[in-house]
Amino acid sequence: MADSKYFYGLGRRKSATARARLYAKGKGELTINGKPGLDYFDGNKTMLAELTDPLAL
C-alpha cells in the first residue's frame, strides 16, 4: 500500500504523538503499533468500538 493515496492526521499532547492514515481504497483493517486492533486491546471489543465508531459511515 505504499503507493496508495491516503489522508494523514497528526495529534500531539505533551510529549506524545499520534499519527493516523486513512487509505481511500483500504481493507477496513485497524493496526496499532504493528498489531491488529483487537489484539492491541486484548480482545476488548468495547474499547475497539469506541475507537472505530467515529470512523463509520
PDB file of N, CA and C in Angstrom:
ATOM      1  N   MET A   1       0.804  -1.193   0.000  1.00  0.00           N
ATOM      2  CA  MET A   1       0.000   0.000   0.000  1.00  0.00           C
ATOM      3  C   MET A   1       0.848   1.259   0.000  1.00  0.00           C
ATOM      4  N   ALA A   2       2.108   1.138  -0.196  1.00  0.00           N
ATOM      5  CA  ALA A   2       2.995   2.286  -0.140  1.00  0.00           C
ATOM      6  C   ALA A   2       2.662   3.324  -1.199  1.00  0.00           C
ATOM      7  N   ASP A   3       2.108   2.912  -2.338  1.00  0.00           N
ATOM      8  CA  ASP A   3       1.810   3.865  -3.398  1.00  0.00           C
ATOM      9  C   ASP A   3       0.347   4.307  -3.398  1.00  0.00           C
ATOM     10  N   SER A   4      -0.476   3.833  -2.459  1.00  0.00           N
ATOM     11  CA  SER A   4      -1.885   4.207  -2.382  1.00  0.00           C
ATOM     12  C   SER A   4      -2.034   5.604  -1.796  1.00  0.00           C
ATOM     13  N   LYS A   5      -3.119   6.287  -2.176  1.00  0.00           N
ATOM     14  CA  LYS A   5      -3.392   7.607  -1.619  1.00  0.00           C
ATOM     15  C   LYS A   5      -4.081   7.445  -0.275  1.00  0.00           C
ATOM     16  N   TYR A   6      -3.757   8.349   0.651  1.00  0.00           N
ATOM     17  CA  TYR A   6      -4.356   8.291   1.975  1.00  0.00           C
ATOM     18  C   TYR A   6      -4.474   9.690   2.551  1.00  0.00           C
ATOM     19  N   PHE A   7      -5.323   9.815   3.574  1.00  0.00           N
ATOM     20  CA  PHE A   7      -5.469  11.046   4.332  1.00  0.00           C
ATOM     21  C   PHE A   7      -4.658  10.880   5.604  1.00  0.00           C
ATOM     22  N   TYR A   8      -3.934  11.922   5.978  1.00  0.00           N
ATOM     23  CA  TYR A   8      -2.997  11.843   7.090  1.00  0.00           C
ATOM     24  C   TYR A   8      -3.430  12.800   8.193  1.00  0.00           C
ATOM     25  N   GLY A   9      -3.376  12.348   9.437  1.00  0.00           N
ATOM     26  CA  GLY A   9      -3.682  13.196  10.579  1.00  0.00           C
ATOM     27  C   GLY A   9      -2.598  13.067  11.631  1.00  0.00           C
ATOM     28  N   LEU A  10      -2.359  14.147  12.358  1.00  0.00           N
ATOM     29  CA  LEU A  10      -1.317  14.169  13.378  1.00  0.00           C
ATOM     30  C   LEU A  10      -1.868  14.863  14.612  1.00  0.00           C
ATOM     31  N   GLY A  11      -1.646  14.270  15.770  1.00  0.00           N
ATOM     32  CA  GLY A  11      -2.064  14.879  17.026  1.00  0.00           C
ATOM     33  C   GLY A  11      -0.935  14.802  18.034  1.00  0.00           C
ATOM     34  N   ARG A  12      -0.793  15.872  18.825  1.00  0.00           N
ATOM     35  CA  ARG A  12       0.268  15.902  19.831  1.00  0.00           C
ATOM     36  C   ARG A  12      -0.289  16.417  21.148  1.00  0.00           C
ATOM     37  N   ARG A  13       0.239  15.869  22.225  1.00  0.00           N
ATOM     38  CA  ARG A  13      -0.085  16.348  23.563  1.00  0.00           C
ATOM     39  C   ARG A  13       1.112  16.050  24.447  1.00  0.00           C
ATOM     40  N   LYS A  14       1.636  17.084  25.059  1.00  0.00           N
ATOM     41  CA  LYS A  14       2.849  16.989  25.870  1.00  0.00           C
ATOM     42  C   LYS A  14       3.946  16.325  25.032  1.00  0.00           C
ATOM     43  N   SER A  15       4.418  15.146  25.424  1.00  0.00           N
ATOM     44  CA  SER A  15       5.485  14.505  24.646  1.00  0.00           C
ATOM     45  C   SER A  15       4.963  13.366  23.773  1.00  0.00           C
ATOM     46  N   ALA A  16       3.651  13.125  23.790  1.00  0.00           N
ATOM     47  CA  ALA A  16       3.064  12.032  23.000  1.00  0.00           C
ATOM     48  C   ALA A  16       2.683  12.520  21.603  1.00  0.00           C
ATOM     49  N   THR A  17       2.812  11.638  20.633  1.00  0.00           N
ATOM     50  CA  THR A  17       2.428  11.935  19.256  1.00  0.00           C
ATOM     51  C   THR A  17       1.618  10.773  18.709  1.00  0.00           C
ATOM     52  N   ALA A  18       0.516  11.095  18.045  1.00  0.00           N
ATOM     53  CA  ALA A  18      -0.312  10.073  17.398  1.00  0.00           C
ATOM     54  C   ALA A  18      -0.427  10.428  15.923  1.00  0.00           C
ATOM     55  N   ARG A  19      -0.222   9.438  15.064  1.00  0.00           N
ATOM     56  CA  ARG A  19      -0.360   9.634  13.621  1.00  0.00           C
ATOM     57  C   ARG A  19      -1.390   8.645  13.103  1.00  0.00           C
ATOM     58  N   ALA A  20      -2.189   9.099  12.159  1.00  0.00           N
ATOM     59  CA  ALA A  20      -3.217   8.229  11.581  1.00  0.00           C
ATOM     60  C   ALA A  20      -3.198   8.379  10.071  1.00  0.00           C
ATOM     61  N   ARG A  21      -3.379   7.262   9.381  1.00  0.00           N
ATOM     62  CA  ARG A  21      -3.508   7.255   7.921  1.00  0.00           C
ATOM     63  C   ARG A  21      -4.803   6.545   7.565  1.00  0.00           C
ATOM     64  N   LEU A  22      -5.631   7.189   6.787  1.00  0.00           N
ATOM     65  CA  LEU A  22      -6.871   6.588   6.300  1.00  0.00           C
ATOM     66  C   LEU A  22      -6.724   6.413   4.800  1.00  0.00           C
ATOM     67  N   TYR A  23      -6.660   5.162   4.365  1.00  0.00           N
ATOM     68  CA  TYR A  23      -6.482   4.858   2.952  1.00  0.00           C
ATOM     69  C   TYR A  23      -7.820   4.883   2.238  1.00  0.00           C
ATOM     70  N   ALA A  24      -7.855   5.516   1.070  1.00  0.00           N
ATOM     71  CA  ALA A  24      -9.093   5.624   0.295  1.00  0.00           C
ATOM     72  C   ALA A  24      -9.584   4.257  -0.161  1.00  0.00           C
ATOM     73  N   LYS A  25      -8.694   3.381  -0.536  1.00  0.00           N
ATOM     74  CA  LYS A  25      -9.074   2.050  -1.005  1.00  0.00           C
ATOM     75  C   LYS A  25      -8.509   0.983  -0.080  1.00  0.00           C
ATOM     76  N   GLY A  26      -8.719   1.172   1.206  1.00  0.00           N
ATOM     77  CA  GLY A  26      -8.210   0.222   2.191  1.00  0.00           C
ATOM     78  C   GLY A  26      -9.126  -0.969   2.361  1.00  0.00           C
ATOM     79  N   LYS A  27      -8.707  -1.855   3.249  1.00  0.00           N
ATOM     80  CA  LYS A  27      -9.452  -3.085   3.510  1.00  0.00           C
ATOM     81  C   LYS A  27     -10.288  -2.981   4.784  1.00  0.00           C
ATOM     82  N   GLY A  28     -10.263  -1.835   5.440  1.00  0.00           N
ATOM     83  CA  GLY A  28     -11.005  -1.678   6.687  1.00  0.00           C
ATOM     84  C   GLY A  28     -10.279  -2.229   7.891  1.00  0.00           C
ATOM     85  N   GLU A  29      -8.991  -2.466   7.772  1.00  0.00           N
ATOM     86  CA  GLU A  29      -8.201  -3.014   8.870  1.00  0.00           C
ATOM     87  C   GLU A  29      -7.691  -1.889   9.761  1.00  0.00           C
ATOM     88  N   LEU A  30      -7.577  -2.172  11.044  1.00  0.00           N
ATOM     89  CA  LEU A  30      -7.055  -1.227  12.016  1.00  0.00           C
ATOM     90  C   LEU A  30      -5.774  -1.810  12.593  1.00  0.00           C
ATOM     91  N   THR A  31      -4.675  -1.072  12.486  1.00  0.00           N
ATOM     92  CA  THR A  31      -3.385  -1.519  13.003  1.00  0.00           C
ATOM     93  C   THR A  31      -2.863  -0.476  13.981  1.00  0.00           C
ATOM     94  N   ILE A  32      -2.482  -0.919  15.174  1.00  0.00           N
ATOM     95  CA  ILE A  32      -1.939  -0.029  16.196  1.00  0.00           C
ATOM     96  C   ILE A  32      -0.594  -0.590  16.620  1.00  0.00           C
ATOM     97  N   ASN A  33       0.456   0.183  16.435  1.00  0.00           N
ATOM     98  CA  ASN A  33       1.821  -0.245  16.771  1.00  0.00           C
ATOM     99  C   ASN A  33       2.157  -1.598  16.156  1.00  0.00           C
ATOM    100  N   GLY A  34       1.715  -1.827  14.933  1.00  0.00           N
ATOM    101  CA  GLY A  34       2.035  -3.053  14.215  1.00  0.00           C
ATOM    102  C   GLY A  34       1.169  -4.256  14.559  1.00  0.00           C
ATOM    103  N   LYS A  35       0.188  -4.079  15.450  1.00  0.00           N
ATOM    104  CA  LYS A  35      -0.694  -5.182  15.847  1.00  0.00           C
ATOM    105  C   LYS A  35      -2.108  -4.910  15.333  1.00  0.00           C
ATOM    106  N   PRO A  36      -2.860  -5.969  15.031  1.00  0.00           N
ATOM    107  CA  PRO A  36      -4.281  -5.768  14.705  1.00  0.00           C
ATOM    108  C   PRO A  36      -5.001  -5.129  15.901  1.00  0.00           C
ATOM    109  N   GLY A  37      -6.001  -4.295  15.624  1.00  0.00           N
ATOM    110  CA  GLY A  37      -6.689  -3.558  16.684  1.00  0.00           C
ATOM    111  C   GLY A  37      -7.213  -4.420  17.812  1.00  0.00           C
ATOM    112  N   LEU A  38      -7.833  -5.550  17.491  1.00  0.00           N
ATOM    113  CA  LEU A  38      -8.405  -6.415  18.527  1.00  0.00           C
ATOM    114  C   LEU A  38      -7.314  -7.033  19.403  1.00  0.00           C
ATOM    115  N   ASP A  39      -6.168  -7.357  18.820  1.00  0.00           N
ATOM    116  CA  ASP A  39      -5.045  -7.882  19.609  1.00  0.00           C
ATOM    117  C   ASP A  39      -4.454  -6.799  20.506  1.00  0.00           C
ATOM    118  N   TYR A  40      -4.371  -5.576  19.993  1.00  0.00           N
ATOM    119  CA  TYR A  40      -3.805  -4.474  20.773  1.00  0.00           C
ATOM    120  C   TYR A  40      -4.629  -4.226  22.036  1.00  0.00           C
ATOM    121  N   PHE A  41      -5.955  -4.304  21.912  1.00  0.00           N
ATOM    122  CA  PHE A  41      -6.835  -4.088  23.059  1.00  0.00           C
ATOM    123  C   PHE A  41      -7.158  -5.381  23.797  1.00  0.00           C
ATOM    124  N   ASP A  42      -6.392  -6.426  23.588  1.00  0.00           N
ATOM    125  CA  ASP A  42      -6.551  -7.723  24.267  1.00  0.00           C
ATOM    126  C   ASP A  42      -7.973  -8.272  24.151  1.00  0.00           C
ATOM    127  N   GLY A  43      -8.573  -8.126  22.984  1.00  0.00           N
ATOM    128  CA  GLY A  43      -9.898  -8.680  22.738  1.00  0.00           C
ATOM    129  C   GLY A  43     -11.045  -7.859  23.299  1.00  0.00           C
ATOM    130  N   ASN A  44     -10.767  -6.670  23.833  1.00  0.00           N
ATOM    131  CA  ASN A  44     -11.809  -5.816  24.401  1.00  0.00           C
ATOM    132  C   ASN A  44     -12.549  -5.104  23.268  1.00  0.00           C
ATOM    133  N   LYS A  45     -13.690  -5.648  22.879  1.00  0.00           N
ATOM    134  CA  LYS A  45     -14.445  -5.106  21.745  1.00  0.00           C
ATOM    135  C   LYS A  45     -15.066  -3.749  22.055  1.00  0.00           C
ATOM    136  N   THR A  46     -15.312  -3.456  23.327  1.00  0.00           N
ATOM    137  CA  THR A  46     -15.869  -2.155  23.700  1.00  0.00           C
ATOM    138  C   THR A  46     -14.867  -1.043  23.408  1.00  0.00           C
ATOM    139  N   MET A  47     -13.614  -1.251  23.777  1.00  0.00           N
ATOM    140  CA  MET A  47     -12.574  -0.254  23.501  1.00  0.00           C
ATOM    141  C   MET A  47     -12.373  -0.074  22.001  1.00  0.00           C
ATOM    142  N   LEU A  48     -12.392  -1.172  21.279  1.00  0.00           N
ATOM    143  CA  LEU A  48     -12.230  -1.106  19.832  1.00  0.00           C
ATOM    144  C   LEU A  48     -13.397  -0.351  19.198  1.00  0.00           C
ATOM    145  N   ALA A  49     -14.609  -0.563  19.688  1.00  0.00           N
ATOM    146  CA  ALA A  49     -15.786   0.130  19.161  1.00  0.00           C
ATOM    147  C   ALA A  49     -15.703   1.630  19.429  1.00  0.00           C
ATOM    148  N   GLU A  50     -15.203   2.032  20.598  1.00  0.00           N
ATOM    149  CA  GLU A  50     -15.051   3.454  20.907  1.00  0.00           C
ATOM    150  C   GLU A  50     -14.096   4.132  19.941  1.00  0.00           C
ATOM    151  N   LEU A  51     -13.120   3.407  19.479  1.00  0.00           N
ATOM    152  CA  LEU A  51     -12.149   3.952  18.539  1.00  0.00           C
ATOM    153  C   LEU A  51     -12.690   3.990  17.116  1.00  0.00           C
ATOM    154  N   THR A  52     -13.412   2.967  16.707  1.00  0.00           N
ATOM    155  CA  THR A  52     -13.838   2.857  15.311  1.00  0.00           C
ATOM    156  C   THR A  52     -15.200   3.482  15.017  1.00  0.00           C
ATOM    157  N   ASP A  53     -16.067   3.661  16.007  1.00  0.00           N
ATOM    158  CA  ASP A  53     -17.403   4.217  15.755  1.00  0.00           C
ATOM    159  C   ASP A  53     -17.379   5.593  15.083  1.00  0.00           C
ATOM    160  N   PRO A  54     -16.511   6.517  15.476  1.00  0.00           N
ATOM    161  CA  PRO A  54     -16.494   7.810  14.778  1.00  0.00           C
ATOM    162  C   PRO A  54     -16.068   7.705  13.308  1.00  0.00           C
ATOM    163  N   LEU A  55     -15.431   6.622  12.920  1.00  0.00           N
ATOM    164  CA  LEU A  55     -14.975   6.460  11.540  1.00  0.00           C
ATOM    165  C   LEU A  55     -16.025   5.806  10.649  1.00  0.00           C
ATOM    166  N   ALA A  56     -17.073   5.242  11.242  1.00  0.00           N
ATOM    167  CA  ALA A  56     -18.101   4.532  10.471  1.00  0.00           C
ATOM    168  C   ALA A  56     -18.975   5.528   9.713  1.00  0.00           C
ATOM    169  N   LEU A  57     -19.352   5.142   8.508  1.00  0.00           N
ATOM    170  CA  LEU A  57     -20.238   5.991   7.699  1.00  0.00           C
ATOM    171  C   LEU A  57     -21.665   5.547   7.815  1.00  0.00           C
TER     172      LEU A  57
END
